[in-house]
Amino acid sequence: MKNRFSIGQMAKFHNIPVKTLRYYDEIGLFTPVNVDPVSGFRYYSIEQFELLDIIYYLKSMGVPLKQIKLQLEKRNLDSFLDILQKHKEDAEEKIRELESISKRLEHRITESKGKSHESN
């Protein structure tokens, strides 16, 4: 099949487990362009490479698959930007929380070192 890639090839090209591609198909997020009716083999087109890259990019940014699916169905730039903005804000909040924890730990370490030197 010209310009068609098996699920194994697609997984290899994108460094994604075959199981993940099967799951994406199952939930209707990323479906093959063709499924052989006899063998059940899934085939993807080169045009789908960009879509899979978008899915994996959003997933790596912490966007839940359900939101990714909704976004892909809408194909609306404003909605897409809203999702990215929300996840940016979530990431910034996590950074603030981790910085607070780091400061408390640093304080505890400094405090403990001081007590250690006092007991010597």
PDB file of N, CA and C in Angstrom:
ATOM      1  N   MET A   1       0.833  -1.170   0.000  1.00  0.00           N
ATOM      2  CA  MET A   1       0.000   0.000   0.000  1.00  0.00           C
ATOM      3  C   MET A   1       0.884   1.242   0.000  1.00  0.00           C
ATOM      4  N   LYS A   2       0.714   2.069  -0.999  1.00  0.00           N
ATOM      5  CA  LYS A   2       1.540   3.254  -1.137  1.00  0.00           C
ATOM      6  C   LYS A   2       1.106   4.321  -0.125  1.00  0.00           C
ATOM      7  N   ASN A   3       2.111   4.937   0.500  1.00  0.00           N
ATOM      8  CA  ASN A   3       1.870   5.984   1.493  1.00  0.00           C
ATOM      9  C   ASN A   3       0.976   5.518   2.648  1.00  0.00           C
ATOM     10  N   ARG A   4       1.026   4.249   2.955  1.00  0.00           N
ATOM     11  CA  ARG A   4       0.294   3.700   4.090  1.00  0.00           C
ATOM     12  C   ARG A   4       1.306   3.042   5.015  1.00  0.00           C
ATOM     13  N   PHE A   5       1.068   3.213   6.301  1.00  0.00           N
ATOM     14  CA  PHE A   5       1.992   2.685   7.280  1.00  0.00           C
ATOM     15  C   PHE A   5       1.248   1.793   8.256  1.00  0.00           C
ATOM     16  N   SER A   6       1.838   0.649   8.553  1.00  0.00           N
ATOM     17  CA  SER A   6       1.222  -0.258   9.516  1.00  0.00           C
ATOM     18  C   SER A   6       1.303   0.362  10.905  1.00  0.00           C
ATOM     19  N   ILE A   7       0.557  -0.199  11.821  1.00  0.00           N
ATOM     20  CA  ILE A   7       0.567   0.308  13.187  1.00  0.00           C
ATOM     21  C   ILE A   7       1.967   0.187  13.789  1.00  0.00           C
ATOM     22  N   GLY A   8       2.667  -0.881  13.434  1.00  0.00           N
ATOM     23  CA  GLY A   8       4.043  -1.062  13.923  1.00  0.00           C
ATOM     24  C   GLY A   8       4.983  -0.001  13.384  1.00  0.00           C
ATOM     25  N   GLN A   9       4.840   0.312  12.106  1.00  0.00           N
ATOM     26  CA  GLN A   9       5.677   1.352  11.509  1.00  0.00           C
ATOM     27  C   GLN A   9       5.361   2.712  12.139  1.00  0.00           C
ATOM     28  N   MET A  10       4.087   2.993  12.306  1.00  0.00           N
ATOM     29  CA  MET A  10       3.674   4.270  12.893  1.00  0.00           C
ATOM     30  C   MET A  10       4.238   4.396  14.313  1.00  0.00           C
ATOM     31  N   ALA A  11       4.144   3.324  15.071  1.00  0.00           N
ATOM     32  CA  ALA A  11       4.662   3.323  16.438  1.00  0.00           C
ATOM     33  C   ALA A  11       6.170   3.575  16.437  1.00  0.00           C
ATOM     34  N   LYS A  12       6.856   2.921  15.531  1.00  0.00           N
ATOM     35  CA  LYS A  12       8.310   3.060  15.458  1.00  0.00           C
ATOM     36  C   LYS A  12       8.720   4.475  15.043  1.00  0.00           C
ATOM     37  N   PHE A  13       8.074   5.023  14.033  1.00  0.00           N
ATOM     38  CA  PHE A  13       8.396   6.364  13.542  1.00  0.00           C
ATOM     39  C   PHE A  13       8.202   7.429  14.619  1.00  0.00           C
ATOM     40  N   HIS A  14       7.197   7.226  15.458  1.00  0.00           N
ATOM     41  CA  HIS A  14       6.847   8.243  16.454  1.00  0.00           C
ATOM     42  C   HIS A  14       7.272   7.866  17.872  1.00  0.00           C
ATOM     43  N   ASN A  15       7.951   6.731  17.987  1.00  0.00           N
ATOM     44  CA  ASN A  15       8.419   6.263  19.290  1.00  0.00           C
ATOM     45  C   ASN A  15       7.260   6.184  20.297  1.00  0.00           C
ATOM     46  N   ILE A  16       6.187   5.554  19.840  1.00  0.00           N
ATOM     47  CA  ILE A  16       4.963   5.393  20.623  1.00  0.00           C
ATOM     48  C   ILE A  16       4.634   3.907  20.667  1.00  0.00           C
ATOM     49  N   PRO A  17       4.253   3.391  21.810  1.00  0.00           N
ATOM     50  CA  PRO A  17       3.872   1.975  21.864  1.00  0.00           C
ATOM     51  C   PRO A  17       2.658   1.667  20.971  1.00  0.00           C
ATOM     52  N   VAL A  18       2.676   0.506  20.350  1.00  0.00           N
ATOM     53  CA  VAL A  18       1.551   0.049  19.535  1.00  0.00           C
ATOM     54  C   VAL A  18       0.275   0.047  20.376  1.00  0.00           C
ATOM     55  N   LYS A  19       0.415  -0.349  21.626  1.00  0.00           N
ATOM     56  CA  LYS A  19      -0.733  -0.400  22.544  1.00  0.00           C
ATOM     57  C   LYS A  19      -1.394   0.984  22.657  1.00  0.00           C
ATOM     58  N   THR A  20      -0.588   2.035  22.672  1.00  0.00           N
ATOM     59  CA  THR A  20      -1.111   3.399  22.755  1.00  0.00           C
ATOM     60  C   THR A  20      -1.915   3.733  21.511  1.00  0.00           C
ATOM     61  N   LEU A  21      -1.404   3.378  20.343  1.00  0.00           N
ATOM     62  CA  LEU A  21      -2.134   3.640  19.097  1.00  0.00           C
ATOM     63  C   LEU A  21      -3.450   2.873  19.066  1.00  0.00           C
ATOM     64  N   ARG A  22      -3.434   1.658  19.550  1.00  0.00           N
ATOM     65  CA  ARG A  22      -4.682   0.879  19.605  1.00  0.00           C
ATOM     66  C   ARG A  22      -5.687   1.545  20.545  1.00  0.00           C
ATOM     67  N   TYR A  23      -5.191   2.043  21.672  1.00  0.00           N
ATOM     68  CA  TYR A  23      -6.067   2.718  22.628  1.00  0.00           C
ATOM     69  C   TYR A  23      -6.639   3.992  22.018  1.00  0.00           C
ATOM     70  N   TYR A  24      -5.802   4.770  21.348  1.00  0.00           N
ATOM     71  CA  TYR A  24      -6.275   5.999  20.702  1.00  0.00           C
ATOM     72  C   TYR A  24      -7.366   5.684  19.682  1.00  0.00           C
ATOM     73  N   ASP A  25      -7.217   4.581  18.976  1.00  0.00           N
ATOM     74  CA  ASP A  25      -8.237   4.158  18.016  1.00  0.00           C
ATOM     75  C   ASP A  25      -9.518   3.779  18.766  1.00  0.00           C
ATOM     76  N   GLU A  26      -9.355   3.034  19.844  1.00  0.00           N
ATOM     77  CA  GLU A  26     -10.504   2.562  20.635  1.00  0.00           C
ATOM     78  C   GLU A  26     -11.350   3.727  21.162  1.00  0.00           C
ATOM     79  N   ILE A  27     -10.693   4.809  21.595  1.00  0.00           N
ATOM     80  CA  ILE A  27     -11.439   5.939  22.163  1.00  0.00           C
ATOM     81  C   ILE A  27     -11.810   6.978  21.095  1.00  0.00           C
ATOM     82  N   GLY A  28     -11.435   6.705  19.849  1.00  0.00           N
ATOM     83  CA  GLY A  28     -11.805   7.596  18.754  1.00  0.00           C
ATOM     84  C   GLY A  28     -10.954   8.850  18.652  1.00  0.00           C
ATOM     85  N   LEU A  29      -9.791   8.839  19.284  1.00  0.00           N
ATOM     86  CA  LEU A  29      -8.907  10.002  19.253  1.00  0.00           C
ATOM     87  C   LEU A  29      -8.071  10.038  17.972  1.00  0.00           C
ATOM     88  N   PHE A  30      -7.548   8.883  17.587  1.00  0.00           N
ATOM     89  CA  PHE A  30      -6.672   8.814  16.424  1.00  0.00           C
ATOM     90  C   PHE A  30      -6.931   7.479  15.727  1.00  0.00           C
ATOM     91  N   THR A  31      -7.709   7.546  14.677  1.00  0.00           N
ATOM     92  CA  THR A  31      -8.115   6.318  14.003  1.00  0.00           C
ATOM     93  C   THR A  31      -7.340   6.129  12.697  1.00  0.00           C
ATOM     94  N   PRO A  32      -7.072   4.895  12.343  1.00  0.00           N
ATOM     95  CA  PRO A  32      -6.367   4.636  11.087  1.00  0.00           C
ATOM     96  C   PRO A  32      -7.231   5.018   9.883  1.00  0.00           C
ATOM     97  N   VAL A  33      -6.556   5.307   8.762  1.00  0.00           N
ATOM     98  CA  VAL A  33      -7.313   5.647   7.557  1.00  0.00           C
ATOM     99  C   VAL A  33      -7.929   4.407   6.927  1.00  0.00           C
ATOM    100  N   ASN A  34      -7.364   3.251   7.268  1.00  0.00           N
ATOM    101  CA  ASN A  34      -7.852   2.014   6.673  1.00  0.00           C
ATOM    102  C   ASN A  34      -7.617   0.863   7.646  1.00  0.00           C
ATOM    103  N   VAL A  35      -8.611   0.000   7.750  1.00  0.00           N
ATOM    104  CA  VAL A  35      -8.461  -1.239   8.512  1.00  0.00           C
ATOM    105  C   VAL A  35      -8.789  -2.373   7.559  1.00  0.00           C
ATOM    106  N   ASP A  36      -7.844  -3.275   7.394  1.00  0.00           N
ATOM    107  CA  ASP A  36      -8.053  -4.407   6.495  1.00  0.00           C
ATOM    108  C   ASP A  36      -9.180  -5.268   7.048  1.00  0.00           C
ATOM    109  N   PRO A  37     -10.253  -5.485   6.268  1.00  0.00           N
ATOM    110  CA  PRO A  37     -11.408  -6.232   6.780  1.00  0.00           C
ATOM    111  C   PRO A  37     -11.100  -7.703   7.084  1.00  0.00           C
ATOM    112  N   VAL A  38     -10.109  -8.245   6.420  1.00  0.00           N
ATOM    113  CA  VAL A  38      -9.770  -9.652   6.628  1.00  0.00           C
ATOM    114  C   VAL A  38      -8.823  -9.819   7.820  1.00  0.00           C
ATOM    115  N   SER A  39      -7.715  -9.073   7.792  1.00  0.00           N
ATOM    116  CA  SER A  39      -6.690  -9.247   8.824  1.00  0.00           C
ATOM    117  C   SER A  39      -6.915  -8.362  10.055  1.00  0.00           C
ATOM    118  N   GLY A  40      -7.673  -7.286   9.881  1.00  0.00           N
ATOM    119  CA  GLY A  40      -7.861  -6.344  10.976  1.00  0.00           C
ATOM    120  C   GLY A  40      -6.676  -5.402  11.156  1.00  0.00           C
ATOM    121  N   PHE A  41      -5.671  -5.493  10.270  1.00  0.00           N
ATOM    122  CA  PHE A  41      -4.499  -4.623  10.368  1.00  0.00           C
ATOM    123  C   PHE A  41      -4.903  -3.180  10.158  1.00  0.00           C
ATOM    124  N   ARG A  42      -4.311  -2.311  10.962  1.00  0.00           N
ATOM    125  CA  ARG A  42      -4.571  -0.877  10.873  1.00  0.00           C
ATOM    126  C   ARG A  42      -3.493  -0.231   9.999  1.00  0.00           C
ATOM    127  N   TYR A  43      -3.928   0.707   9.162  1.00  0.00           N
ATOM    128  CA  TYR A  43      -2.989   1.441   8.316  1.00  0.00           C
ATOM    129  C   TYR A  43      -3.232   2.937   8.464  1.00  0.00           C
ATOM    130  N   TYR A  44      -2.134   3.661   8.519  1.00  0.00           N
ATOM    131  CA  TYR A  44      -2.166   5.115   8.691  1.00  0.00           C
ATOM    132  C   TYR A  44      -1.529   5.777   7.480  1.00  0.00           C
ATOM    133  N   SER A  45      -1.887   7.036   7.256  1.00  0.00           N
ATOM    134  CA  SER A  45      -1.322   7.773   6.123  1.00  0.00           C
ATOM    135  C   SER A  45      -0.272   8.759   6.616  1.00  0.00           C
ATOM    136  N   ILE A  46       0.550   9.199   5.714  1.00  0.00           N
ATOM    137  CA  ILE A  46       1.578  10.181   6.053  1.00  0.00           C
ATOM    138  C   ILE A  46       0.950  11.489   6.512  1.00  0.00           C
ATOM    139  N   GLU A  47      -0.248  11.792   6.006  1.00  0.00           N
ATOM    140  CA  GLU A  47      -0.952  13.006   6.420  1.00  0.00           C
ATOM    141  C   GLU A  47      -1.308  12.982   7.912  1.00  0.00           C
ATOM    142  N   GLN A  48      -1.362  11.810   8.516  1.00  0.00           N
ATOM    143  CA  GLN A  48      -1.715  11.688   9.926  1.00  0.00           C
ATOM    144  C   GLN A  48      -0.533  11.929  10.867  1.00  0.00           C
ATOM    145  N   PHE A  49       0.667  12.009  10.325  1.00  0.00           N
ATOM    146  CA  PHE A  49       1.851  12.208  11.170  1.00  0.00           C
ATOM    147  C   PHE A  49       1.722  13.486  12.001  1.00  0.00           C
ATOM    148  N   GLU A  50       1.304  14.572  11.368  1.00  0.00           N
ATOM    149  CA  GLU A  50       1.199  15.851  12.068  1.00  0.00           C
ATOM    150  C   GLU A  50       0.157  15.776  13.188  1.00  0.00           C
ATOM    151  N   LEU A  51      -0.958  15.133  12.918  1.00  0.00           N
ATOM    152  CA  LEU A  51      -2.001  15.002  13.933  1.00  0.00           C
ATOM    153  C   LEU A  51      -1.485  14.229  15.149  1.00  0.00           C
ATOM    154  N   LEU A  52      -0.762  13.157  14.903  1.00  0.00           N
ATOM    155  CA  LEU A  52      -0.213  12.378  16.008  1.00  0.00           C
ATOM    156  C   LEU A  52       0.811  13.199  16.791  1.00  0.00           C
ATOM    157  N   ASP A  53       1.586  14.000  16.093  1.00  0.00           N
ATOM    158  CA  ASP A  53       2.539  14.886  16.769  1.00  0.00           C
ATOM    159  C   ASP A  53       1.815  15.885  17.666  1.00  0.00           C
ATOM    160  N   ILE A  54       0.706  16.433  17.184  1.00  0.00           N
ATOM    161  CA  ILE A  54      -0.087  17.389  17.973  1.00  0.00           C
ATOM    162  C   ILE A  54      -0.633  16.706  19.225  1.00  0.00           C
ATOM    163  N   ILE A  55      -1.166  15.512  19.054  1.00  0.00           N
ATOM    164  CA  ILE A  55      -1.707  14.758  20.193  1.00  0.00           C
ATOM    165  C   ILE A  55      -0.618  14.525  21.231  1.00  0.00           C
ATOM    166  N   TYR A  56       0.538  14.080  20.782  1.00  0.00           N
ATOM    167  CA  TYR A  56       1.609  13.788  21.731  1.00  0.00           C
ATOM    168  C   TYR A  56       2.158  15.059  22.374  1.00  0.00           C
ATOM    169  N   TYR A  57       2.190  16.148  21.637  1.00  0.00           N
ATOM    170  CA  TYR A  57       2.644  17.419  22.206  1.00  0.00           C
ATOM    171  C   TYR A  57       1.692  17.847  23.324  1.00  0.00           C
ATOM    172  N   LEU A  58       0.394  17.827  23.039  1.00  0.00           N
ATOM    173  CA  LEU A  58      -0.590  18.233  24.041  1.00  0.00           C
ATOM    174  C   LEU A  58      -0.541  17.309  25.260  1.00  0.00           C
ATOM    175  N   LYS A  59      -0.400  16.022  25.003  1.00  0.00           N
ATOM    176  CA  LYS A  59      -0.329  15.058  26.097  1.00  0.00           C
ATOM    177  C   LYS A  59       0.901  15.342  26.962  1.00  0.00           C
ATOM    178  N   SER A  60       2.023  15.666  26.327  1.00  0.00           N
ATOM    179  CA  SER A  60       3.247  15.949  27.083  1.00  0.00           C
ATOM    180  C   SER A  60       3.125  17.229  27.901  1.00  0.00           C
ATOM    181  N   MET A  61       2.198  18.107  27.521  1.00  0.00           N
ATOM    182  CA  MET A  61       1.948  19.339  28.266  1.00  0.00           C
ATOM    183  C   MET A  61       0.938  19.123  29.391  1.00  0.00           C
ATOM    184  N   GLY A  62       0.468  17.885  29.525  1.00  0.00           N
ATOM    185  CA  GLY A  62      -0.454  17.563  30.608  1.00  0.00           C
ATOM    186  C   GLY A  62      -1.922  17.699  30.255  1.00  0.00           C
ATOM    187  N   VAL A  63      -2.219  17.903  28.976  1.00  0.00           N
ATOM    188  CA  VAL A  63      -3.615  18.023  28.564  1.00  0.00           C
ATOM    189  C   VAL A  63      -4.229  16.620  28.548  1.00  0.00           C
ATOM    190  N   PRO A  64      -5.334  16.415  29.263  1.00  0.00           N
ATOM    191  CA  PRO A  64      -5.979  15.099  29.278  1.00  0.00           C
ATOM    192  C   PRO A  64      -6.474  14.688  27.876  1.00  0.00           C
ATOM    193  N   LEU A  65      -6.454  13.399  27.617  1.00  0.00           N
ATOM    194  CA  LEU A  65      -6.870  12.892  26.304  1.00  0.00           C
ATOM    195  C   LEU A  65      -8.291  13.321  25.946  1.00  0.00           C
ATOM    196  N   LYS A  66      -9.168  13.382  26.934  1.00  0.00           N
ATOM    197  CA  LYS A  66     -10.556  13.785  26.679  1.00  0.00           C
ATOM    198  C   LYS A  66     -10.596  15.209  26.116  1.00  0.00           C
ATOM    199  N   GLN A  67      -9.791  16.106  26.686  1.00  0.00           N
ATOM    200  CA  GLN A  67      -9.734  17.487  26.198  1.00  0.00           C
ATOM    201  C   GLN A  67      -9.097  17.552  24.807  1.00  0.00           C
ATOM    202  N   ILE A  68      -8.075  16.741  24.598  1.00  0.00           N
ATOM    203  CA  ILE A  68      -7.430  16.712  23.280  1.00  0.00           C
ATOM    204  C   ILE A  68      -8.442  16.291  22.226  1.00  0.00           C
ATOM    205  N   LYS A  69      -9.212  15.264  22.535  1.00  0.00           N
ATOM    206  CA  LYS A  69     -10.216  14.781  21.587  1.00  0.00           C
ATOM    207  C   LYS A  69     -11.241  15.871  21.274  1.00  0.00           C
ATOM    208  N   LEU A  70     -11.728  16.540  22.317  1.00  0.00           N
ATOM    209  CA  LEU A  70     -12.694  17.625  22.107  1.00  0.00           C
ATOM    210  C   LEU A  70     -12.089  18.736  21.243  1.00  0.00           C
ATOM    211  N   GLN A  71     -10.850  19.068  21.513  1.00  0.00           N
ATOM    212  CA  GLN A  71     -10.179  20.119  20.754  1.00  0.00           C
ATOM    213  C   GLN A  71     -10.044  19.732  19.278  1.00  0.00           C
ATOM    214  N   LEU A  72      -9.688  18.492  19.038  1.00  0.00           N
ATOM    215  CA  LEU A  72      -9.517  18.037  17.657  1.00  0.00           C
ATOM    216  C   LEU A  72     -10.852  17.999  16.918  1.00  0.00           C
ATOM    217  N   GLU A  73     -11.925  17.733  17.656  1.00  0.00           N
ATOM    218  CA  GLU A  73     -13.252  17.739  17.038  1.00  0.00           C
ATOM    219  C   GLU A  73     -13.692  19.161  16.705  1.00  0.00           C
ATOM    220  N   LYS A  74     -13.357  20.115  17.589  1.00  0.00           N
ATOM    221  CA  LYS A  74     -13.746  21.513  17.379  1.00  0.00           C
ATOM    222  C   LYS A  74     -12.915  22.181  16.293  1.00  0.00           C
ATOM    223  N   ARG A  75     -11.622  21.908  16.330  1.00  0.00           N
ATOM    224  CA  ARG A  75     -10.684  22.561  15.394  1.00  0.00           C
ATOM    225  C   ARG A  75     -10.833  24.076  15.468  1.00  0.00           C
ATOM    226  N   ASN A  76     -10.853  24.600  16.702  1.00  0.00           N
ATOM    227  CA  ASN A  76     -11.057  26.013  16.936  1.00  0.00           C
ATOM    228  C   ASN A  76      -9.805  26.580  17.601  1.00  0.00           C
ATOM    229  N   LEU A  77      -9.162  27.563  16.970  1.00  0.00           N
ATOM    230  CA  LEU A  77      -7.915  28.119  17.472  1.00  0.00           C
ATOM    231  C   LEU A  77      -8.093  28.753  18.854  1.00  0.00           C
ATOM    232  N   ASP A  78      -9.175  29.499  19.054  1.00  0.00           N
ATOM    233  CA  ASP A  78      -9.390  30.141  20.353  1.00  0.00           C
ATOM    234  C   ASP A  78      -9.524  29.108  21.471  1.00  0.00           C
ATOM    235  N   SER A  79     -10.228  28.046  21.192  1.00  0.00           N
ATOM    236  CA  SER A  79     -10.394  26.971  22.169  1.00  0.00           C
ATOM    237  C   SER A  79      -9.044  26.320  22.473  1.00  0.00           C
ATOM    238  N   PHE A  80      -8.264  26.104  21.440  1.00  0.00           N
ATOM    239  CA  PHE A  80      -6.933  25.517  21.582  1.00  0.00           C
ATOM    240  C   PHE A  80      -6.050  26.415  22.450  1.00  0.00           C
ATOM    241  N   LEU A  81      -6.091  27.720  22.183  1.00  0.00           N
ATOM    242  CA  LEU A  81      -5.283  28.662  22.961  1.00  0.00           C
ATOM    243  C   LEU A  81      -5.754  28.715  24.416  1.00  0.00           C
ATOM    244  N   ASP A  82      -7.066  28.601  24.636  1.00  0.00           N
ATOM    245  CA  ASP A  82      -7.602  28.569  25.999  1.00  0.00           C
ATOM    246  C   ASP A  82      -7.056  27.371  26.771  1.00  0.00           C
ATOM    247  N   ILE A  83      -7.031  26.225  26.122  1.00  0.00           N
ATOM    248  CA  ILE A  83      -6.507  25.012  26.764  1.00  0.00           C
ATOM    249  C   ILE A  83      -5.039  25.202  27.123  1.00  0.00           C
ATOM    250  N   LEU A  84      -4.254  25.721  26.178  1.00  0.00           N
ATOM    251  CA  LEU A  84      -2.831  25.938  26.451  1.00  0.00           C
ATOM    252  C   LEU A  84      -2.638  26.942  27.587  1.00  0.00           C
ATOM    253  N   GLN A  85      -3.423  28.005  27.604  1.00  0.00           N
ATOM    254  CA  GLN A  85      -3.326  29.011  28.668  1.00  0.00           C
ATOM    255  C   GLN A  85      -3.653  28.398  30.022  1.00  0.00           C
ATOM    256  N   LYS A  86      -4.710  27.594  30.084  1.00  0.00           N
ATOM    257  CA  LYS A  86      -5.098  26.950  31.340  1.00  0.00           C
ATOM    258  C   LYS A  86      -3.990  26.035  31.845  1.00  0.00           C
ATOM    259  N   HIS A  87      -3.398  25.272  30.951  1.00  0.00           N
ATOM    260  CA  HIS A  87      -2.336  24.353  31.375  1.00  0.00           C
ATOM    261  C   HIS A  87      -1.052  25.097  31.720  1.00  0.00           C
ATOM    262  N   LYS A  88      -0.829  26.230  31.107  1.00  0.00           N
ATOM    263  CA  LYS A  88       0.308  27.081  31.479  1.00  0.00           C
ATOM    264  C   LYS A  88       0.103  27.588  32.900  1.00  0.00           C
ATOM    265  N   GLU A  89      -1.099  28.042  33.209  1.00  0.00           N
ATOM    266  CA  GLU A  89      -1.405  28.528  34.556  1.00  0.00           C
ATOM    267  C   GLU A  89      -1.264  27.398  35.581  1.00  0.00           C
ATOM    268  N   ASP A  90      -1.728  26.202  35.234  1.00  0.00           N
ATOM    269  CA  ASP A  90      -1.582  25.049  36.132  1.00  0.00           C
ATOM    270  C   ASP A  90      -0.103  24.754  36.389  1.00  0.00           C
ATOM    271  N   ALA A  91       0.708  24.812  35.337  1.00  0.00           N
ATOM    272  CA  ALA A  91       2.141  24.545  35.467  1.00  0.00           C
ATOM    273  C   ALA A  91       2.795  25.598  36.358  1.00  0.00           C
ATOM    274  N   GLU A  92       2.409  26.861  36.181  1.00  0.00           N
ATOM    275  CA  GLU A  92       2.965  27.931  37.007  1.00  0.00           C
ATOM    276  C   GLU A  92       2.599  27.747  38.472  1.00  0.00           C
ATOM    277  N   GLU A  93       1.374  27.293  38.741  1.00  0.00           N
ATOM    278  CA  GLU A  93       0.945  27.034  40.120  1.00  0.00           C
ATOM    279  C   GLU A  93       1.773  25.888  40.717  1.00  0.00           C
ATOM    280  N   LYS A  94       2.007  24.844  39.947  1.00  0.00           N
ATOM    281  CA  LYS A  94       2.829  23.725  40.430  1.00  0.00           C
ATOM    282  C   LYS A  94       4.248  24.193  40.726  1.00  0.00           C
ATOM    283  N   ILE A  95       4.777  25.075  39.877  1.00  0.00           N
ATOM    284  CA  ILE A  95       6.126  25.617  40.098  1.00  0.00           C
ATOM    285  C   ILE A  95       6.166  26.387  41.417  1.00  0.00           C
ATOM    286  N   ARG A  96       5.146  27.213  41.650  1.00  0.00           N
ATOM    287  CA  ARG A  96       5.088  27.972  42.909  1.00  0.00           C
ATOM    288  C   ARG A  96       5.032  27.028  44.118  1.00  0.00           C
ATOM    289  N   GLU A  97       4.240  25.973  44.005  1.00  0.00           N
ATOM    290  CA  GLU A  97       4.137  25.005  45.101  1.00  0.00           C
ATOM    291  C   GLU A  97       5.480  24.326  45.350  1.00  0.00           C
ATOM    292  N   LEU A  98       6.157  23.926  44.281  1.00  0.00           N
ATOM    293  CA  LEU A  98       7.453  23.264  44.428  1.00  0.00           C
ATOM    294  C   LEU A  98       8.512  24.218  44.980  1.00  0.00           C
ATOM    295  N   GLU A  99       8.456  25.489  44.575  1.00  0.00           N
ATOM    296  CA  GLU A  99       9.406  26.467  45.122  1.00  0.00           C
ATOM    297  C   GLU A  99       9.173  26.661  46.614  1.00  0.00           C
ATOM    298  N   SER A 100       7.920  26.666  47.032  1.00  0.00           N
ATOM    299  CA  SER A 100       7.596  26.788  48.447  1.00  0.00           C
ATOM    300  C   SER A 100       8.128  25.585  49.232  1.00  0.00           C
ATOM    301  N   ILE A 101       7.935  24.414  48.707  1.00  0.00           N
ATOM    302  CA  ILE A 101       8.441  23.194  49.352  1.00  0.00           C
ATOM    303  C   ILE A 101       9.962  23.248  49.430  1.00  0.00           C
ATOM    304  N   SER A 102      10.596  23.677  48.350  1.00  0.00           N
ATOM    305  CA  SER A 102      12.056  23.768  48.319  1.00  0.00           C
ATOM    306  C   SER A 102      12.569  24.737  49.382  1.00  0.00           C
ATOM    307  N   LYS A 103      11.908  25.877  49.527  1.00  0.00           N
ATOM    308  CA  LYS A 103      12.320  26.854  50.546  1.00  0.00           C
ATOM    309  C   LYS A 103      12.168  26.282  51.949  1.00  0.00           C
ATOM    310  N   ARG A 104      11.051  25.582  52.195  1.00  0.00           N
ATOM    311  CA  ARG A 104      10.850  24.974  53.519  1.00  0.00           C
ATOM    312  C   ARG A 104      11.912  23.914  53.802  1.00  0.00           C
ATOM    313  N   LEU A 105      12.238  23.130  52.782  1.00  0.00           N
ATOM    314  CA  LEU A 105      13.271  22.106  52.955  1.00  0.00           C
ATOM    315  C   LEU A 105      14.638  22.746  53.218  1.00  0.00           C
ATOM    316  N   GLU A 106      14.941  23.795  52.473  1.00  0.00           N
ATOM    317  CA  GLU A 106      16.211  24.490  52.666  1.00  0.00           C
ATOM    318  C   GLU A 106      16.294  25.056  54.082  1.00  0.00           C
ATOM    319  N   HIS A 107      15.200  25.630  54.551  1.00  0.00           N
ATOM    320  CA  HIS A 107      15.144  26.169  55.910  1.00  0.00           C
ATOM    321  C   HIS A 107      15.374  25.053  56.933  1.00  0.00           C
ATOM    322  N   ARG A 108      14.724  23.917  56.718  1.00  0.00           N
ATOM    323  CA  ARG A 108      14.864  22.784  57.642  1.00  0.00           C
ATOM    324  C   ARG A 108      16.301  22.268  57.646  1.00  0.00           C
ATOM    325  N   ILE A 109      16.911  22.197  56.457  1.00  0.00           N
ATOM    326  CA  ILE A 109      18.302  21.729  56.363  1.00  0.00           C
ATOM    327  C   ILE A 109      19.230  22.684  57.107  1.00  0.00           C
ATOM    328  N   THR A 110      19.066  23.981  56.867  1.00  0.00           N
ATOM    329  CA  THR A 110      19.898  24.991  57.527  1.00  0.00           C
ATOM    330  C   THR A 110      19.712  24.931  59.036  1.00  0.00           C
ATOM    331  N   GLU A 111      18.456  24.816  59.455  1.00  0.00           N
ATOM    332  CA  GLU A 111      18.131  24.723  60.880  1.00  0.00           C
ATOM    333  C   GLU A 111      18.765  23.480  61.496  1.00  0.00           C
ATOM    334  N   SER A 112      18.682  22.356  60.813  1.00  0.00           N
ATOM    335  CA  SER A 112      19.222  21.101  61.320  1.00  0.00           C
ATOM    336  C   SER A 112      20.744  21.131  61.394  1.00  0.00           C
ATOM    337  N   LYS A 113      21.371  21.749  60.411  1.00  0.00           N
ATOM    338  CA  LYS A 113      22.845  21.867  60.430  1.00  0.00           C
ATOM    339  C   LYS A 113      23.293  22.705  61.616  1.00  0.00           C
ATOM    340  N   GLY A 114      22.543  23.780  61.895  1.00  0.00           N
ATOM    341  CA  GLY A 114      22.867  24.627  63.037  1.00  0.00           C
ATOM    342  C   GLY A 114      22.789  23.864  64.346  1.00  0.00           C
ATOM    343  N   LYS A 115      21.761  23.043  64.501  1.00  0.00           N
ATOM    344  CA  LYS A 115      21.589  22.247  65.711  1.00  0.00           C
ATOM    345  C   LYS A 115      22.663  21.179  65.808  1.00  0.00           C
ATOM    346  N   SER A 116      23.067  20.649  64.647  1.00  0.00           N
ATOM    347  CA  SER A 116      24.111  19.618  64.629  1.00  0.00           C
ATOM    348  C   SER A 116      25.431  20.196  65.110  1.00  0.00           C
ATOM    349  N   HIS A 117      25.750  21.431  64.698  1.00  0.00           N
ATOM    350  CA  HIS A 117      26.992  22.058  65.098  1.00  0.00           C
ATOM    351  C   HIS A 117      26.971  22.449  66.583  1.00  0.00           C
ATOM    352  N   GLU A 118      25.780  22.790  67.095  1.00  0.00           N
ATOM    353  CA  GLU A 118      25.648  23.163  68.499  1.00  0.00           C
ATOM    354  C   GLU A 118      25.911  21.975  69.412  1.00  0.00           C
ATOM    355  N   SER A 119      25.536  20.774  68.968  1.00  0.00           N
ATOM    356  CA  SER A 119      25.674  19.603  69.827  1.00  0.00           C
ATOM    357  C   SER A 119      27.108  19.045  69.793  1.00  0.00           C
ATOM    358  N   ASN A 120      27.935  19.529  68.898  1.00  0.00           N
ATOM    359  CA  ASN A 120      29.330  19.033  68.823  1.00  0.00           C
ATOM    360  C   ASN A 120      30.213  19.707  69.789  1.00  0.00           C
TER     361      ASN A 120
END
